[in-house]
Amino acid sequence: MKESNGNIVYWMLVNHGQWRMYIAATTEGLCYVGSQNKPFEELAIWVKKRLPTYIPLKDEHVLNPYAKELIDYLEGRRKQFTLPTDLHGTPFQQSVWKVLQEIPYGQTVSYTGIAEQIQKPNAVRAVGTAIGANPVLITVPCHRVIAKSGKLTGYRGGLEMKEQLLGLEK
């Protein structure tokens, strides 16, 4: 049985230099990293859709360790994340997000490459949709996925954010 605080999504605003994004976690781990400079509403809509029985609660104490890892990454002092994630998605999305977490820092992979890795080579569009639904930007590095041509394509946080993250990792 879950303890009474099991249905809370703790959240805070990470405001660091040019970076301003909402992050959230359950008792299981980081479940959400928002798009750069988007309002709280982006997080609220996600919680309502993905975790309808959860109540959002601002709690910087719970989120400070996650914020610290993100800030260390943004400052170039961290190449991988060590804190747990709590990813809420379909089994297909979960399989795609798992592969994303294996893409090494500073490297990129194509959507086709991801589809091949999950042994669904004809599911490139579905892979793109699953990547677009990734709730944990940066930590689950969907910014490292580019078109087969090498072109930067869609990113929930916007192409400018994707460019900045890839530039940071160069």
N, C-alpha and C. Protein backbone atom coordinates (compact mmCIF):
# COMPACT_ATOMS: atom_id res chain seq x y z
N MET A 1 0.83 -1.19 0.00
CA MET A 1 0.00 0.00 0.00
C MET A 1 0.88 1.26 0.00
N LYS A 2 0.48 2.24 -0.79
CA LYS A 2 1.24 3.49 -0.88
C LYS A 2 1.02 4.35 0.36
N GLU A 3 2.09 5.01 0.79
CA GLU A 3 1.92 5.95 1.90
C GLU A 3 1.12 7.15 1.40
N SER A 4 0.61 7.92 2.33
CA SER A 4 -0.32 9.00 1.97
C SER A 4 0.31 10.04 1.05
N ASN A 5 1.64 10.23 1.12
CA ASN A 5 2.24 11.24 0.24
C ASN A 5 2.62 10.67 -1.12
N GLY A 6 2.19 9.46 -1.41
CA GLY A 6 2.51 8.82 -2.68
C GLY A 6 1.86 9.46 -3.88
N ASN A 7 0.83 10.27 -3.67
CA ASN A 7 0.14 10.89 -4.79
C ASN A 7 0.43 12.38 -4.89
N ILE A 8 1.66 12.73 -4.63
CA ILE A 8 2.07 14.14 -4.73
C ILE A 8 3.15 14.26 -5.79
N VAL A 9 3.02 15.29 -6.62
CA VAL A 9 4.07 15.65 -7.56
C VAL A 9 4.71 16.91 -6.99
N TYR A 10 5.93 16.78 -6.51
CA TYR A 10 6.66 17.92 -5.97
C TYR A 10 7.25 18.69 -7.14
N TRP A 11 7.21 20.01 -7.08
CA TRP A 11 7.74 20.80 -8.19
C TRP A 11 8.48 22.04 -7.69
N MET A 12 9.30 22.58 -8.58
CA MET A 12 9.96 23.86 -8.33
C MET A 12 10.37 24.47 -9.67
N LEU A 13 10.70 25.73 -9.63
CA LEU A 13 11.23 26.42 -10.80
C LEU A 13 12.74 26.47 -10.68
N VAL A 14 13.43 25.96 -11.69
CA VAL A 14 14.89 26.08 -11.76
C VAL A 14 15.14 27.36 -12.57
N ASN A 15 15.80 28.31 -11.93
CA ASN A 15 16.08 29.59 -12.56
C ASN A 15 17.58 29.80 -12.46
N HIS A 16 18.29 29.56 -13.57
CA HIS A 16 19.76 29.60 -13.54
C HIS A 16 20.27 30.24 -14.82
N GLY A 17 20.80 31.43 -14.72
CA GLY A 17 21.29 32.14 -15.91
C GLY A 17 20.16 32.30 -16.91
N GLN A 18 20.41 31.88 -18.15
CA GLN A 18 19.36 31.97 -19.18
C GLN A 18 18.34 30.84 -19.05
N TRP A 19 18.61 29.87 -18.19
CA TRP A 19 17.75 28.70 -18.07
C TRP A 19 16.68 28.92 -17.02
N ARG A 20 15.44 28.72 -17.43
CA ARG A 20 14.30 28.87 -16.53
C ARG A 20 13.30 27.78 -16.90
N MET A 21 13.19 26.75 -16.05
CA MET A 21 12.28 25.64 -16.37
C MET A 21 11.75 25.00 -15.10
N TYR A 22 10.54 24.49 -15.20
CA TYR A 22 9.92 23.81 -14.08
C TYR A 22 10.36 22.35 -14.09
N ILE A 23 10.62 21.82 -12.89
CA ILE A 23 10.93 20.40 -12.77
C ILE A 23 9.99 19.82 -11.72
N ALA A 24 9.76 18.51 -11.81
CA ALA A 24 8.87 17.85 -10.87
C ALA A 24 9.34 16.43 -10.61
N ALA A 25 8.99 15.93 -9.43
CA ALA A 25 9.35 14.57 -9.05
C ALA A 25 8.26 13.97 -8.18
N THR A 26 8.15 12.65 -8.25
CA THR A 26 7.31 11.91 -7.32
C THR A 26 8.26 11.35 -6.25
N THR A 27 7.74 10.56 -5.35
CA THR A 27 8.62 9.92 -4.36
C THR A 27 9.55 8.91 -5.04
N GLU A 28 9.23 8.52 -6.29
CA GLU A 28 10.05 7.54 -7.02
C GLU A 28 11.21 8.16 -7.77
N GLY A 29 11.08 9.44 -8.15
CA GLY A 29 12.16 10.07 -8.92
C GLY A 29 11.66 11.22 -9.77
N LEU A 30 12.59 11.81 -10.51
CA LEU A 30 12.28 12.94 -11.39
C LEU A 30 11.30 12.48 -12.47
N CYS A 31 10.19 13.17 -12.60
CA CYS A 31 9.18 12.75 -13.57
C CYS A 31 8.94 13.79 -14.66
N TYR A 32 9.50 14.98 -14.49
CA TYR A 32 9.21 16.04 -15.46
C TYR A 32 10.30 17.11 -15.44
N VAL A 33 10.76 17.49 -16.64
CA VAL A 33 11.60 18.68 -16.80
C VAL A 33 10.95 19.45 -17.94
N GLY A 34 10.55 20.67 -17.66
CA GLY A 34 9.81 21.47 -18.63
C GLY A 34 10.68 22.14 -19.67
N SER A 35 9.99 22.72 -20.63
CA SER A 35 10.65 23.47 -21.68
C SER A 35 11.17 24.79 -21.12
N GLN A 36 12.23 25.28 -21.73
CA GLN A 36 12.84 26.53 -21.30
C GLN A 36 11.85 27.70 -21.43
N ASN A 37 11.73 28.48 -20.38
CA ASN A 37 10.90 29.70 -20.34
C ASN A 37 9.41 29.47 -20.57
N LYS A 38 8.92 28.25 -20.35
CA LYS A 38 7.49 28.00 -20.48
C LYS A 38 6.84 28.21 -19.11
N PRO A 39 5.56 28.60 -19.10
CA PRO A 39 4.88 28.85 -17.83
C PRO A 39 4.58 27.56 -17.06
N PHE A 40 4.22 27.73 -15.80
CA PHE A 40 3.85 26.62 -14.92
C PHE A 40 2.75 25.77 -15.55
N GLU A 41 1.91 26.41 -16.34
CA GLU A 41 0.78 25.73 -16.98
C GLU A 41 1.22 24.50 -17.78
N GLU A 42 2.40 24.54 -18.40
CA GLU A 42 2.90 23.38 -19.15
C GLU A 42 3.00 22.17 -18.22
N LEU A 43 3.55 22.37 -17.04
CA LEU A 43 3.65 21.29 -16.04
C LEU A 43 2.27 20.88 -15.54
N ALA A 44 1.42 21.84 -15.23
CA ALA A 44 0.08 21.55 -14.71
C ALA A 44 -0.72 20.69 -15.69
N ILE A 45 -0.64 21.01 -16.97
CA ILE A 45 -1.34 20.24 -18.01
C ILE A 45 -0.78 18.82 -18.08
N TRP A 46 0.53 18.69 -18.00
CA TRP A 46 1.16 17.37 -18.05
C TRP A 46 0.71 16.51 -16.86
N VAL A 47 0.73 17.09 -15.66
CA VAL A 47 0.30 16.35 -14.46
C VAL A 47 -1.14 15.89 -14.61
N LYS A 48 -2.00 16.79 -15.04
CA LYS A 48 -3.43 16.46 -15.19
C LYS A 48 -3.63 15.31 -16.18
N LYS A 49 -2.83 15.30 -17.26
CA LYS A 49 -2.96 14.27 -18.29
C LYS A 49 -2.32 12.95 -17.87
N ARG A 50 -1.10 13.00 -17.36
CA ARG A 50 -0.33 11.78 -17.07
C ARG A 50 -0.51 11.23 -15.65
N LEU A 51 -0.75 12.12 -14.69
CA LEU A 51 -0.88 11.69 -13.29
C LEU A 51 -2.13 12.32 -12.67
N PRO A 52 -3.30 12.00 -13.22
CA PRO A 52 -4.53 12.68 -12.81
C PRO A 52 -4.89 12.55 -11.33
N THR A 53 -4.38 11.52 -10.66
CA THR A 53 -4.71 11.36 -9.23
C THR A 53 -3.68 12.04 -8.32
N TYR A 54 -2.70 12.70 -8.92
CA TYR A 54 -1.63 13.35 -8.14
C TYR A 54 -1.93 14.82 -7.92
N ILE A 55 -1.43 15.33 -6.82
CA ILE A 55 -1.60 16.74 -6.46
C ILE A 55 -0.24 17.42 -6.56
N PRO A 56 -0.13 18.51 -7.35
CA PRO A 56 1.15 19.24 -7.41
C PRO A 56 1.39 20.02 -6.12
N LEU A 57 2.62 19.94 -5.62
CA LEU A 57 2.98 20.63 -4.39
C LEU A 57 4.38 21.23 -4.56
N LYS A 58 4.49 22.54 -4.40
CA LYS A 58 5.80 23.18 -4.52
C LYS A 58 6.65 22.76 -3.33
N ASP A 59 7.84 22.21 -3.61
CA ASP A 59 8.73 21.76 -2.54
C ASP A 59 10.17 21.75 -3.04
N GLU A 60 10.86 22.87 -2.82
CA GLU A 60 12.24 22.97 -3.29
C GLU A 60 13.17 22.03 -2.56
N HIS A 61 12.86 21.72 -1.30
CA HIS A 61 13.70 20.82 -0.51
C HIS A 61 13.80 19.45 -1.20
N VAL A 62 12.66 18.92 -1.66
CA VAL A 62 12.64 17.62 -2.33
C VAL A 62 13.38 17.70 -3.66
N LEU A 63 13.25 18.82 -4.38
CA LEU A 63 13.79 18.93 -5.73
C LEU A 63 15.20 19.48 -5.84
N ASN A 64 15.74 20.02 -4.77
CA ASN A 64 17.08 20.60 -4.84
C ASN A 64 18.15 19.65 -5.39
N PRO A 65 18.16 18.35 -5.00
CA PRO A 65 19.18 17.46 -5.57
C PRO A 65 19.06 17.34 -7.10
N TYR A 66 17.83 17.30 -7.61
CA TYR A 66 17.62 17.22 -9.06
C TYR A 66 18.04 18.53 -9.72
N ALA A 67 17.67 19.64 -9.09
CA ALA A 67 18.04 20.96 -9.63
C ALA A 67 19.56 21.09 -9.68
N LYS A 68 20.24 20.61 -8.65
CA LYS A 68 21.70 20.69 -8.60
C LYS A 68 22.32 19.91 -9.75
N GLU A 69 21.83 18.70 -10.01
CA GLU A 69 22.36 17.91 -11.13
C GLU A 69 22.13 18.64 -12.46
N LEU A 70 20.94 19.21 -12.64
CA LEU A 70 20.64 19.94 -13.87
C LEU A 70 21.55 21.15 -14.04
N ILE A 71 21.72 21.91 -12.97
CA ILE A 71 22.58 23.10 -13.03
C ILE A 71 24.03 22.70 -13.30
N ASP A 72 24.50 21.63 -12.66
CA ASP A 72 25.86 21.14 -12.92
C ASP A 72 26.02 20.78 -14.41
N TYR A 73 25.00 20.15 -14.98
CA TYR A 73 25.02 19.81 -16.40
C TYR A 73 25.08 21.08 -17.25
N LEU A 74 24.20 22.03 -16.94
CA LEU A 74 24.13 23.27 -17.72
C LEU A 74 25.41 24.07 -17.64
N GLU A 75 26.16 23.89 -16.56
CA GLU A 75 27.45 24.59 -16.39
C GLU A 75 28.62 23.75 -16.91
N GLY A 76 28.34 22.59 -17.51
CA GLY A 76 29.39 21.76 -18.08
C GLY A 76 30.17 20.93 -17.06
N ARG A 77 29.66 20.81 -15.85
CA ARG A 77 30.35 20.05 -14.80
C ARG A 77 29.82 18.62 -14.66
N ARG A 78 28.79 18.26 -15.42
CA ARG A 78 28.19 16.93 -15.30
C ARG A 78 27.86 16.42 -16.69
N LYS A 79 28.23 15.15 -16.93
CA LYS A 79 27.95 14.54 -18.23
C LYS A 79 26.83 13.50 -18.14
N GLN A 80 26.54 13.02 -16.94
CA GLN A 80 25.43 12.09 -16.79
C GLN A 80 24.70 12.33 -15.49
N PHE A 81 23.46 11.88 -15.47
CA PHE A 81 22.60 12.09 -14.31
C PHE A 81 22.54 10.81 -13.49
N THR A 82 22.55 10.95 -12.17
CA THR A 82 22.61 9.78 -11.31
C THR A 82 21.34 9.56 -10.49
N LEU A 83 20.51 10.59 -10.38
CA LEU A 83 19.31 10.46 -9.56
C LEU A 83 18.22 9.69 -10.31
N PRO A 84 17.32 9.03 -9.58
CA PRO A 84 16.29 8.21 -10.24
C PRO A 84 15.27 9.05 -11.02
N THR A 85 14.71 8.42 -12.05
CA THR A 85 13.62 9.03 -12.80
C THR A 85 12.38 8.17 -12.57
N ASP A 86 11.23 8.78 -12.76
CA ASP A 86 9.95 8.09 -12.65
C ASP A 86 9.18 8.45 -13.91
N LEU A 87 9.40 7.66 -14.97
CA LEU A 87 8.85 7.98 -16.27
C LEU A 87 7.48 7.35 -16.47
N HIS A 88 6.51 8.19 -16.81
CA HIS A 88 5.13 7.72 -17.01
C HIS A 88 4.78 7.77 -18.48
N GLY A 89 4.65 6.59 -19.09
CA GLY A 89 4.31 6.50 -20.50
C GLY A 89 3.92 5.08 -20.85
N THR A 90 3.57 4.88 -22.10
CA THR A 90 3.19 3.55 -22.58
C THR A 90 4.44 2.65 -22.63
N PRO A 91 4.26 1.33 -22.71
CA PRO A 91 5.43 0.45 -22.83
C PRO A 91 6.32 0.82 -24.03
N PHE A 92 5.70 1.21 -25.15
CA PHE A 92 6.49 1.61 -26.33
C PHE A 92 7.32 2.86 -26.01
N GLN A 93 6.65 3.88 -25.42
CA GLN A 93 7.37 5.10 -25.05
C GLN A 93 8.51 4.78 -24.09
N GLN A 94 8.24 3.92 -23.11
CA GLN A 94 9.27 3.54 -22.13
C GLN A 94 10.48 2.91 -22.83
N SER A 95 10.22 2.07 -23.83
CA SER A 95 11.34 1.41 -24.54
C SER A 95 12.18 2.44 -25.29
N VAL A 96 11.52 3.44 -25.88
CA VAL A 96 12.24 4.50 -26.59
C VAL A 96 13.03 5.35 -25.59
N TRP A 97 12.40 5.73 -24.49
CA TRP A 97 13.07 6.59 -23.50
C TRP A 97 14.27 5.88 -22.87
N LYS A 98 14.18 4.57 -22.73
CA LYS A 98 15.30 3.80 -22.17
C LYS A 98 16.50 3.90 -23.10
N VAL A 99 16.27 3.77 -24.42
CA VAL A 99 17.35 3.89 -25.41
C VAL A 99 17.93 5.30 -25.40
N LEU A 100 17.07 6.31 -25.25
CA LEU A 100 17.57 7.70 -25.20
C LEU A 100 18.59 7.86 -24.08
N GLN A 101 18.32 7.24 -22.95
CA GLN A 101 19.20 7.38 -21.79
C GLN A 101 20.56 6.73 -22.00
N GLU A 102 20.67 5.91 -23.06
CA GLU A 102 21.94 5.24 -23.35
C GLU A 102 22.80 6.02 -24.36
N ILE A 103 22.26 7.12 -24.91
CA ILE A 103 23.03 7.91 -25.88
C ILE A 103 24.11 8.67 -25.11
N PRO A 104 25.39 8.43 -25.44
CA PRO A 104 26.46 9.10 -24.70
C PRO A 104 26.46 10.62 -24.87
N TYR A 105 26.89 11.30 -23.84
CA TYR A 105 27.06 12.76 -23.82
C TYR A 105 27.87 13.17 -25.05
N GLY A 106 27.41 14.23 -25.72
CA GLY A 106 28.16 14.77 -26.85
C GLY A 106 27.96 14.03 -28.16
N GLN A 107 27.11 12.98 -28.15
CA GLN A 107 26.87 12.23 -29.38
C GLN A 107 25.42 12.39 -29.81
N THR A 108 25.16 12.15 -31.08
CA THR A 108 23.79 12.20 -31.58
C THR A 108 23.47 10.89 -32.29
N VAL A 109 22.19 10.60 -32.34
CA VAL A 109 21.67 9.38 -32.99
C VAL A 109 20.47 9.82 -33.82
N SER A 110 20.20 9.09 -34.90
CA SER A 110 19.04 9.43 -35.72
C SER A 110 17.79 8.72 -35.20
N TYR A 111 16.65 9.24 -35.60
CA TYR A 111 15.37 8.59 -35.25
C TYR A 111 15.37 7.16 -35.78
N THR A 112 15.93 6.98 -37.00
CA THR A 112 16.03 5.65 -37.60
C THR A 112 16.88 4.74 -36.72
N GLY A 113 17.98 5.28 -36.22
CA GLY A 113 18.86 4.50 -35.34
C GLY A 113 18.14 4.03 -34.09
N ILE A 114 17.32 4.90 -33.51
CA ILE A 114 16.54 4.53 -32.32
C ILE A 114 15.55 3.43 -32.68
N ALA A 115 14.85 3.58 -33.81
CA ALA A 115 13.87 2.58 -34.25
C ALA A 115 14.55 1.22 -34.43
N GLU A 116 15.76 1.24 -34.98
CA GLU A 116 16.51 -0.02 -35.16
C GLU A 116 16.92 -0.61 -33.82
N GLN A 117 17.32 0.24 -32.89
CA GLN A 117 17.75 -0.25 -31.57
C GLN A 117 16.62 -0.93 -30.81
N ILE A 118 15.40 -0.46 -30.97
CA ILE A 118 14.28 -1.10 -30.28
C ILE A 118 13.67 -2.21 -31.14
N GLN A 119 14.36 -2.55 -32.23
CA GLN A 119 13.98 -3.61 -33.16
C GLN A 119 12.61 -3.39 -33.80
N LYS A 120 12.33 -2.12 -34.12
CA LYS A 120 11.12 -1.75 -34.86
C LYS A 120 11.54 -0.76 -35.96
N PRO A 121 12.34 -1.25 -36.94
CA PRO A 121 12.91 -0.36 -37.95
C PRO A 121 11.88 0.42 -38.78
N ASN A 122 10.65 -0.06 -38.84
CA ASN A 122 9.63 0.65 -39.62
C ASN A 122 8.83 1.64 -38.77
N ALA A 123 9.19 1.77 -37.52
CA ALA A 123 8.42 2.62 -36.60
C ALA A 123 9.08 3.98 -36.35
N VAL A 124 9.76 4.51 -37.37
CA VAL A 124 10.50 5.77 -37.20
C VAL A 124 9.57 6.91 -36.76
N ARG A 125 8.39 7.01 -37.37
CA ARG A 125 7.46 8.08 -36.99
C ARG A 125 6.95 7.90 -35.57
N ALA A 126 6.64 6.66 -35.20
CA ALA A 126 6.17 6.37 -33.84
C ALA A 126 7.28 6.69 -32.83
N VAL A 127 8.52 6.40 -33.21
CA VAL A 127 9.67 6.73 -32.36
C VAL A 127 9.72 8.24 -32.16
N GLY A 128 9.54 8.99 -33.25
CA GLY A 128 9.54 10.46 -33.16
C GLY A 128 8.45 10.97 -32.24
N THR A 129 7.28 10.35 -32.31
CA THR A 129 6.16 10.74 -31.45
C THR A 129 6.47 10.42 -29.99
N ALA A 130 7.06 9.25 -29.74
CA ALA A 130 7.42 8.86 -28.37
C ALA A 130 8.49 9.81 -27.81
N ILE A 131 9.44 10.18 -28.65
CA ILE A 131 10.49 11.11 -28.22
C ILE A 131 9.86 12.47 -27.89
N GLY A 132 8.91 12.90 -28.71
CA GLY A 132 8.21 14.16 -28.48
C GLY A 132 7.41 14.17 -27.19
N ALA A 133 7.05 12.98 -26.71
CA ALA A 133 6.27 12.86 -25.47
C ALA A 133 7.16 12.68 -24.25
N ASN A 134 8.49 12.68 -24.45
CA ASN A 134 9.41 12.52 -23.33
C ASN A 134 9.17 13.62 -22.29
N PRO A 135 8.78 13.23 -21.07
CA PRO A 135 8.46 14.24 -20.07
C PRO A 135 9.68 14.84 -19.36
N VAL A 136 10.82 14.22 -19.53
CA VAL A 136 12.00 14.64 -18.77
C VAL A 136 13.09 15.12 -19.72
N LEU A 137 12.95 16.39 -20.17
CA LEU A 137 13.95 16.96 -21.07
C LEU A 137 15.31 16.98 -20.37
N ILE A 138 16.36 16.97 -21.14
CA ILE A 138 17.75 17.04 -20.72
C ILE A 138 18.20 15.75 -20.04
N THR A 139 17.57 15.37 -18.92
CA THR A 139 17.97 14.17 -18.19
C THR A 139 17.77 12.91 -19.03
N VAL A 140 16.65 12.83 -19.74
CA VAL A 140 16.43 11.80 -20.75
C VAL A 140 16.71 12.53 -22.06
N PRO A 141 17.94 12.40 -22.58
CA PRO A 141 18.46 13.32 -23.59
C PRO A 141 17.90 13.19 -25.01
N CYS A 142 16.64 13.55 -25.17
CA CYS A 142 16.04 13.50 -26.50
C CYS A 142 16.63 14.56 -27.43
N HIS A 143 17.33 15.55 -26.85
CA HIS A 143 17.98 16.57 -27.69
C HIS A 143 19.10 15.96 -28.53
N ARG A 144 19.53 14.76 -28.18
CA ARG A 144 20.62 14.09 -28.91
C ARG A 144 20.12 13.31 -30.13
N VAL A 145 18.81 13.39 -30.41
CA VAL A 145 18.26 12.68 -31.56
C VAL A 145 18.01 13.69 -32.68
N ILE A 146 18.60 13.38 -33.84
CA ILE A 146 18.49 14.29 -34.99
C ILE A 146 18.03 13.48 -36.21
N ALA A 147 17.70 14.19 -37.29
CA ALA A 147 17.29 13.52 -38.52
C ALA A 147 18.48 12.76 -39.12
N LYS A 148 18.18 11.75 -39.91
CA LYS A 148 19.22 10.95 -40.57
C LYS A 148 20.14 11.84 -41.40
N SER A 149 19.58 12.93 -41.95
CA SER A 149 20.35 13.88 -42.77
C SER A 149 21.31 14.72 -41.93
N GLY A 150 21.18 14.63 -40.59
CA GLY A 150 22.01 15.45 -39.71
C GLY A 150 21.33 16.74 -39.30
N LYS A 151 20.15 16.99 -39.86
CA LYS A 151 19.40 18.21 -39.58
C LYS A 151 18.73 18.11 -38.20
N LEU A 152 18.65 19.26 -37.52
CA LEU A 152 17.92 19.30 -36.24
C LEU A 152 16.44 19.35 -36.56
N THR A 153 15.68 18.49 -35.91
CA THR A 153 14.24 18.48 -36.12
C THR A 153 13.56 18.58 -34.77
N GLY A 154 12.26 18.64 -34.77
CA GLY A 154 11.42 18.85 -33.60
C GLY A 154 12.01 18.58 -32.23
N TYR A 155 11.58 19.40 -31.29
CA TYR A 155 12.00 19.25 -29.91
C TYR A 155 10.95 19.95 -29.05
N ARG A 156 10.43 19.26 -28.04
CA ARG A 156 9.37 19.85 -27.21
C ARG A 156 9.79 21.20 -26.64
N GLY A 157 11.05 21.34 -26.30
CA GLY A 157 11.54 22.60 -25.74
C GLY A 157 11.84 23.66 -26.78
N GLY A 158 11.67 23.32 -28.06
CA GLY A 158 11.96 24.25 -29.15
C GLY A 158 13.36 24.00 -29.71
N LEU A 159 13.53 24.30 -30.99
CA LEU A 159 14.83 24.03 -31.65
C LEU A 159 15.96 24.86 -31.06
N GLU A 160 15.65 26.06 -30.59
CA GLU A 160 16.69 26.90 -29.98
C GLU A 160 17.27 26.22 -28.74
N MET A 161 16.38 25.64 -27.92
CA MET A 161 16.84 24.93 -26.72
C MET A 161 17.66 23.71 -27.11
N LYS A 162 17.21 22.99 -28.14
CA LYS A 162 17.93 21.80 -28.61
C LYS A 162 19.33 22.20 -29.07
N GLU A 163 19.43 23.29 -29.86
CA GLU A 163 20.73 23.78 -30.32
C GLU A 163 21.64 24.14 -29.15
N GLN A 164 21.08 24.82 -28.15
CA GLN A 164 21.88 25.23 -26.99
C GLN A 164 22.42 24.01 -26.24
N LEU A 165 21.57 22.98 -26.07
CA LEU A 165 22.00 21.79 -25.35
C LEU A 165 23.07 21.04 -26.12
N LEU A 166 22.89 20.90 -27.44
CA LEU A 166 23.91 20.23 -28.25
C LEU A 166 25.20 21.04 -28.27
N GLY A 167 25.10 22.35 -28.30
CA GLY A 167 26.28 23.21 -28.26
C GLY A 167 27.04 23.07 -26.95
N LEU A 168 26.30 22.92 -25.88
CA LEU A 168 26.88 22.73 -24.55
C LEU A 168 27.70 21.46 -24.49
N GLU A 169 27.27 20.45 -25.23
CA GLU A 169 27.92 19.15 -25.18
C GLU A 169 29.07 19.00 -26.19
N LYS A 170 29.31 20.02 -27.01
CA LYS A 170 30.39 19.95 -28.00
C LYS A 170 31.74 20.03 -27.34
